[in-house]
N, C-alpha and C. Protein backbone atom coordinates (compact mmCIF):
# COMPACT_ATOMS: atom_id res chain seq x y z
N MET A 1 0.81 -1.20 0.00
CA MET A 1 0.00 0.00 0.00
C MET A 1 0.85 1.26 0.00
N SER A 2 2.13 1.15 -0.22
CA SER A 2 3.00 2.33 -0.20
C SER A 2 2.80 3.21 -1.42
N ASP A 3 2.05 2.74 -2.43
CA ASP A 3 1.80 3.54 -3.63
C ASP A 3 0.66 4.54 -3.44
N LEU A 4 -0.01 4.48 -2.31
CA LEU A 4 -1.11 5.40 -2.07
C LEU A 4 -0.57 6.77 -1.69
N GLU A 5 -1.26 7.79 -2.15
CA GLU A 5 -0.89 9.14 -1.78
C GLU A 5 -2.16 9.86 -1.33
N PRO A 6 -2.02 10.86 -0.49
CA PRO A 6 -3.20 11.59 -0.04
C PRO A 6 -3.99 12.15 -1.22
N LEU A 7 -5.31 12.17 -1.07
CA LEU A 7 -6.19 12.65 -2.13
C LEU A 7 -5.82 14.06 -2.59
N ALA A 8 -5.50 14.93 -1.66
CA ALA A 8 -5.17 16.31 -2.02
C ALA A 8 -3.97 16.37 -2.96
N GLU A 9 -2.96 15.55 -2.69
CA GLU A 9 -1.77 15.54 -3.57
C GLU A 9 -2.12 15.01 -4.95
N GLY A 10 -2.96 13.98 -4.99
CA GLY A 10 -3.38 13.42 -6.27
C GLY A 10 -4.16 14.42 -7.09
N LEU A 11 -5.08 15.12 -6.44
CA LEU A 11 -5.86 16.13 -7.15
C LEU A 11 -4.99 17.27 -7.63
N GLU A 12 -4.03 17.67 -6.81
CA GLU A 12 -3.11 18.74 -7.20
C GLU A 12 -2.36 18.36 -8.47
N LYS A 13 -1.91 17.12 -8.55
CA LYS A 13 -1.19 16.66 -9.74
C LYS A 13 -2.11 16.64 -10.96
N VAL A 14 -3.34 16.17 -10.78
CA VAL A 14 -4.29 16.12 -11.89
C VAL A 14 -4.59 17.53 -12.39
N PHE A 15 -4.88 18.44 -11.47
CA PHE A 15 -5.15 19.83 -11.87
C PHE A 15 -3.94 20.41 -12.60
N GLY A 16 -2.75 20.15 -12.09
CA GLY A 16 -1.53 20.66 -12.71
C GLY A 16 -1.34 20.13 -14.13
N ARG A 17 -1.58 18.85 -14.33
CA ARG A 17 -1.43 18.26 -15.66
C ARG A 17 -2.44 18.83 -16.65
N LEU A 18 -3.61 19.17 -16.14
CA LEU A 18 -4.65 19.74 -17.00
C LEU A 18 -4.49 21.25 -17.18
N GLY A 19 -3.53 21.84 -16.50
CA GLY A 19 -3.31 23.28 -16.59
C GLY A 19 -4.33 24.09 -15.81
N LEU A 20 -4.98 23.44 -14.84
CA LEU A 20 -6.00 24.11 -14.03
C LEU A 20 -5.41 24.56 -12.70
N PRO A 21 -5.89 25.66 -12.17
CA PRO A 21 -5.40 26.11 -10.87
C PRO A 21 -5.92 25.21 -9.75
N ASP A 22 -5.19 25.18 -8.67
CA ASP A 22 -5.60 24.43 -7.50
C ASP A 22 -6.84 25.12 -6.91
N PRO A 23 -7.96 24.42 -6.77
CA PRO A 23 -9.18 25.07 -6.27
C PRO A 23 -9.04 25.58 -4.84
N ARG A 24 -8.07 25.05 -4.10
CA ARG A 24 -7.85 25.53 -2.74
C ARG A 24 -7.32 26.96 -2.74
N VAL A 25 -6.61 27.36 -3.79
CA VAL A 25 -6.10 28.73 -3.88
C VAL A 25 -7.26 29.71 -4.00
N MET A 26 -8.21 29.44 -4.90
CA MET A 26 -9.34 30.34 -5.05
C MET A 26 -10.16 30.40 -3.78
N SER A 27 -10.36 29.29 -3.15
CA SER A 27 -11.12 29.25 -1.89
C SER A 27 -10.45 30.11 -0.83
N ALA A 28 -9.13 30.00 -0.73
CA ALA A 28 -8.39 30.80 0.25
C ALA A 28 -8.44 32.29 -0.10
N ILE A 29 -8.34 32.61 -1.38
CA ILE A 29 -8.41 34.02 -1.79
C ILE A 29 -9.75 34.61 -1.39
N ILE A 30 -10.82 33.89 -1.64
CA ILE A 30 -12.16 34.38 -1.27
C ILE A 30 -12.26 34.55 0.24
N ASP A 31 -11.84 33.55 0.98
CA ASP A 31 -11.93 33.59 2.45
C ASP A 31 -11.10 34.70 3.06
N GLU A 32 -9.94 35.00 2.45
CA GLU A 32 -8.98 35.94 3.04
C GLU A 32 -8.93 37.27 2.30
N TRP A 33 -9.88 37.52 1.39
CA TRP A 33 -9.79 38.69 0.51
C TRP A 33 -9.57 39.99 1.25
N ASP A 34 -10.35 40.27 2.27
CA ASP A 34 -10.21 41.55 2.97
C ASP A 34 -8.82 41.73 3.56
N THR A 35 -8.23 40.65 4.03
CA THR A 35 -6.88 40.72 4.60
C THR A 35 -5.83 40.81 3.50
N LEU A 36 -5.96 39.98 2.47
CA LEU A 36 -4.99 39.96 1.39
C LEU A 36 -5.04 41.23 0.54
N ALA A 37 -6.25 41.68 0.25
CA ALA A 37 -6.42 42.76 -0.72
C ALA A 37 -5.87 44.10 -0.25
N GLY A 38 -6.25 44.51 0.93
CA GLY A 38 -5.79 45.81 1.42
C GLY A 38 -6.28 46.94 0.54
N THR A 39 -5.67 48.10 0.69
CA THR A 39 -6.03 49.29 -0.06
C THR A 39 -5.42 49.21 -1.45
N PRO A 40 -6.07 49.55 -2.49
CA PRO A 40 -7.43 50.08 -2.66
C PRO A 40 -8.47 48.99 -2.94
N TRP A 41 -8.06 47.74 -2.91
CA TRP A 41 -8.93 46.63 -3.32
C TRP A 41 -10.09 46.36 -2.36
N LYS A 42 -9.79 46.39 -1.08
CA LYS A 42 -10.80 46.06 -0.06
C LYS A 42 -11.99 47.01 -0.17
N GLY A 43 -13.16 46.45 -0.32
CA GLY A 43 -14.37 47.26 -0.44
C GLY A 43 -14.67 47.75 -1.83
N ASN A 44 -13.70 47.66 -2.74
CA ASN A 44 -13.88 48.13 -4.11
C ASN A 44 -13.86 47.00 -5.13
N SER A 45 -13.72 45.77 -4.65
CA SER A 45 -13.59 44.65 -5.58
C SER A 45 -13.91 43.34 -4.88
N LYS A 46 -14.06 42.30 -5.71
CA LYS A 46 -14.19 40.95 -5.17
C LYS A 46 -13.55 39.98 -6.15
N PRO A 47 -12.89 38.94 -5.62
CA PRO A 47 -12.28 37.95 -6.49
C PRO A 47 -13.37 37.09 -7.14
N VAL A 48 -13.17 36.76 -8.42
CA VAL A 48 -14.19 36.01 -9.15
C VAL A 48 -13.73 34.60 -9.48
N VAL A 49 -12.55 34.49 -10.09
CA VAL A 49 -12.07 33.18 -10.53
C VAL A 49 -10.56 33.25 -10.77
N VAL A 50 -9.91 32.10 -10.70
CA VAL A 50 -8.51 32.00 -11.11
C VAL A 50 -8.52 31.22 -12.42
N ARG A 51 -8.01 31.86 -13.47
CA ARG A 51 -7.87 31.23 -14.78
C ARG A 51 -6.39 31.03 -15.05
N GLY A 52 -5.96 29.79 -15.00
CA GLY A 52 -4.53 29.53 -15.14
C GLY A 52 -3.80 30.16 -13.97
N ARG A 53 -3.00 31.17 -14.24
CA ARG A 53 -2.28 31.90 -13.19
C ARG A 53 -2.79 33.34 -13.04
N THR A 54 -3.96 33.60 -13.64
CA THR A 54 -4.55 34.93 -13.59
C THR A 54 -5.73 34.96 -12.64
N LEU A 55 -5.69 35.90 -11.71
CA LEU A 55 -6.81 36.13 -10.82
C LEU A 55 -7.71 37.18 -11.46
N VAL A 56 -8.97 36.85 -11.67
CA VAL A 56 -9.94 37.80 -12.21
C VAL A 56 -10.65 38.42 -11.02
N VAL A 57 -10.64 39.75 -10.99
CA VAL A 57 -11.23 40.51 -9.90
C VAL A 57 -12.28 41.44 -10.49
N GLU A 58 -13.46 41.45 -9.88
CA GLU A 58 -14.54 42.32 -10.34
C GLU A 58 -14.57 43.60 -9.51
N ALA A 59 -14.50 44.73 -10.18
CA ALA A 59 -14.60 46.03 -9.50
C ALA A 59 -16.05 46.28 -9.12
N THR A 60 -16.27 47.05 -8.06
CA THR A 60 -17.64 47.33 -7.62
C THR A 60 -18.34 48.33 -8.53
N THR A 61 -17.58 49.20 -9.20
CA THR A 61 -18.15 50.16 -10.13
C THR A 61 -17.27 50.23 -11.38
N PRO A 62 -17.84 50.61 -12.51
CA PRO A 62 -17.02 50.73 -13.72
C PRO A 62 -15.85 51.70 -13.54
N SER A 63 -16.05 52.76 -12.78
CA SER A 63 -14.98 53.75 -12.61
C SER A 63 -13.82 53.21 -11.79
N GLN A 64 -14.03 52.16 -11.03
CA GLN A 64 -12.96 51.57 -10.21
C GLN A 64 -11.99 50.72 -11.03
N VAL A 65 -12.40 50.28 -12.21
CA VAL A 65 -11.57 49.36 -13.01
C VAL A 65 -10.18 49.93 -13.25
N ALA A 66 -10.10 51.11 -13.85
CA ALA A 66 -8.79 51.71 -14.15
C ALA A 66 -8.02 52.01 -12.87
N PHE A 67 -8.71 52.48 -11.86
CA PHE A 67 -8.07 52.79 -10.59
C PHE A 67 -7.42 51.56 -9.98
N LEU A 68 -8.13 50.43 -9.98
CA LEU A 68 -7.59 49.21 -9.38
C LEU A 68 -6.43 48.63 -10.18
N ARG A 69 -6.43 48.83 -11.47
CA ARG A 69 -5.34 48.30 -12.30
C ARG A 69 -3.98 48.87 -11.88
N TYR A 70 -3.99 50.07 -11.32
CA TYR A 70 -2.73 50.67 -10.87
C TYR A 70 -2.20 50.01 -9.60
N GLY A 71 -3.04 49.29 -8.88
CA GLY A 71 -2.61 48.64 -7.64
C GLY A 71 -2.25 47.18 -7.79
N LYS A 72 -2.12 46.71 -9.05
CA LYS A 72 -1.88 45.28 -9.28
C LYS A 72 -0.55 44.79 -8.72
N THR A 73 0.48 45.57 -8.84
CA THR A 73 1.82 45.12 -8.43
C THR A 73 1.86 44.77 -6.94
N LYS A 74 1.31 45.63 -6.12
CA LYS A 74 1.31 45.38 -4.68
C LYS A 74 0.49 44.13 -4.34
N LEU A 75 -0.66 43.97 -4.98
CA LEU A 75 -1.49 42.80 -4.71
C LEU A 75 -0.80 41.53 -5.18
N LEU A 76 -0.14 41.57 -6.32
CA LEU A 76 0.60 40.39 -6.80
C LEU A 76 1.70 39.99 -5.82
N THR A 77 2.38 40.98 -5.25
CA THR A 77 3.42 40.71 -4.26
C THR A 77 2.82 40.05 -3.02
N THR A 78 1.68 40.55 -2.57
CA THR A 78 1.00 39.97 -1.41
C THR A 78 0.58 38.53 -1.69
N LEU A 79 0.01 38.30 -2.87
CA LEU A 79 -0.43 36.95 -3.23
C LEU A 79 0.75 35.98 -3.35
N ALA A 80 1.86 36.46 -3.88
CA ALA A 80 3.06 35.61 -3.98
C ALA A 80 3.57 35.25 -2.59
N GLY A 81 3.50 36.19 -1.66
CA GLY A 81 3.92 35.91 -0.30
C GLY A 81 3.03 34.90 0.38
N ARG A 82 1.76 34.90 0.05
CA ARG A 82 0.80 33.98 0.67
C ARG A 82 0.78 32.60 0.01
N PHE A 83 0.84 32.56 -1.34
CA PHE A 83 0.66 31.30 -2.07
C PHE A 83 1.92 30.80 -2.76
N GLY A 84 2.96 31.62 -2.82
CA GLY A 84 4.20 31.23 -3.48
C GLY A 84 4.35 31.90 -4.83
N GLU A 85 5.59 32.07 -5.23
CA GLU A 85 5.89 32.69 -6.53
C GLU A 85 5.32 31.83 -7.65
N GLY A 86 4.73 32.49 -8.64
CA GLY A 86 4.26 31.79 -9.83
C GLY A 86 2.86 31.22 -9.74
N VAL A 87 2.23 31.24 -8.57
CA VAL A 87 0.87 30.70 -8.46
C VAL A 87 -0.12 31.67 -9.11
N ILE A 88 -0.05 32.95 -8.74
CA ILE A 88 -0.83 34.01 -9.38
C ILE A 88 0.17 35.00 -9.95
N THR A 89 0.19 35.13 -11.28
CA THR A 89 1.18 36.01 -11.92
C THR A 89 0.55 37.22 -12.60
N GLU A 90 -0.77 37.25 -12.67
CA GLU A 90 -1.45 38.36 -13.33
C GLU A 90 -2.80 38.59 -12.65
N ILE A 91 -3.25 39.83 -12.71
CA ILE A 91 -4.57 40.19 -12.19
C ILE A 91 -5.31 40.90 -13.31
N GLU A 92 -6.50 40.41 -13.60
CA GLU A 92 -7.38 41.03 -14.59
C GLU A 92 -8.53 41.68 -13.84
N VAL A 93 -8.69 42.97 -14.02
CA VAL A 93 -9.77 43.69 -13.37
C VAL A 93 -10.89 43.89 -14.38
N VAL A 94 -12.09 43.46 -14.01
CA VAL A 94 -13.23 43.56 -14.91
C VAL A 94 -14.31 44.42 -14.27
N PRO A 95 -15.15 45.07 -15.10
CA PRO A 95 -16.24 45.88 -14.54
C PRO A 95 -17.29 44.97 -13.90
N PRO A 96 -18.14 45.54 -13.07
CA PRO A 96 -19.18 44.73 -12.44
C PRO A 96 -20.16 44.18 -13.46
N ARG A 97 -20.65 42.98 -13.19
CA ARG A 97 -21.68 42.40 -14.05
C ARG A 97 -22.99 43.10 -13.76
N ARG A 98 -23.81 43.19 -14.73
CA ARG A 98 -25.11 43.87 -14.55
C ARG A 98 -26.12 42.95 -13.98
């Protein structure tokens, strides 16, 4: 039975082979958003999905989109510190859905 591996490790390998992000990362981002995001993101945005290595964030108003794009570098640094280098390498800011 030494060939058995924990389910989480197996799923991580499967997601990696398929080029999909680890679903635990998105779950943690949602749970910790207010702490991770900081200024100007907190209260002005919400995380939507991780596509590959890109975190898609929805702005609360259309006017916030351009404003939030200027804060991407700091947020990427925070995310790298929390999840490791290369897990999230880009942030896409989108306007709110109607």
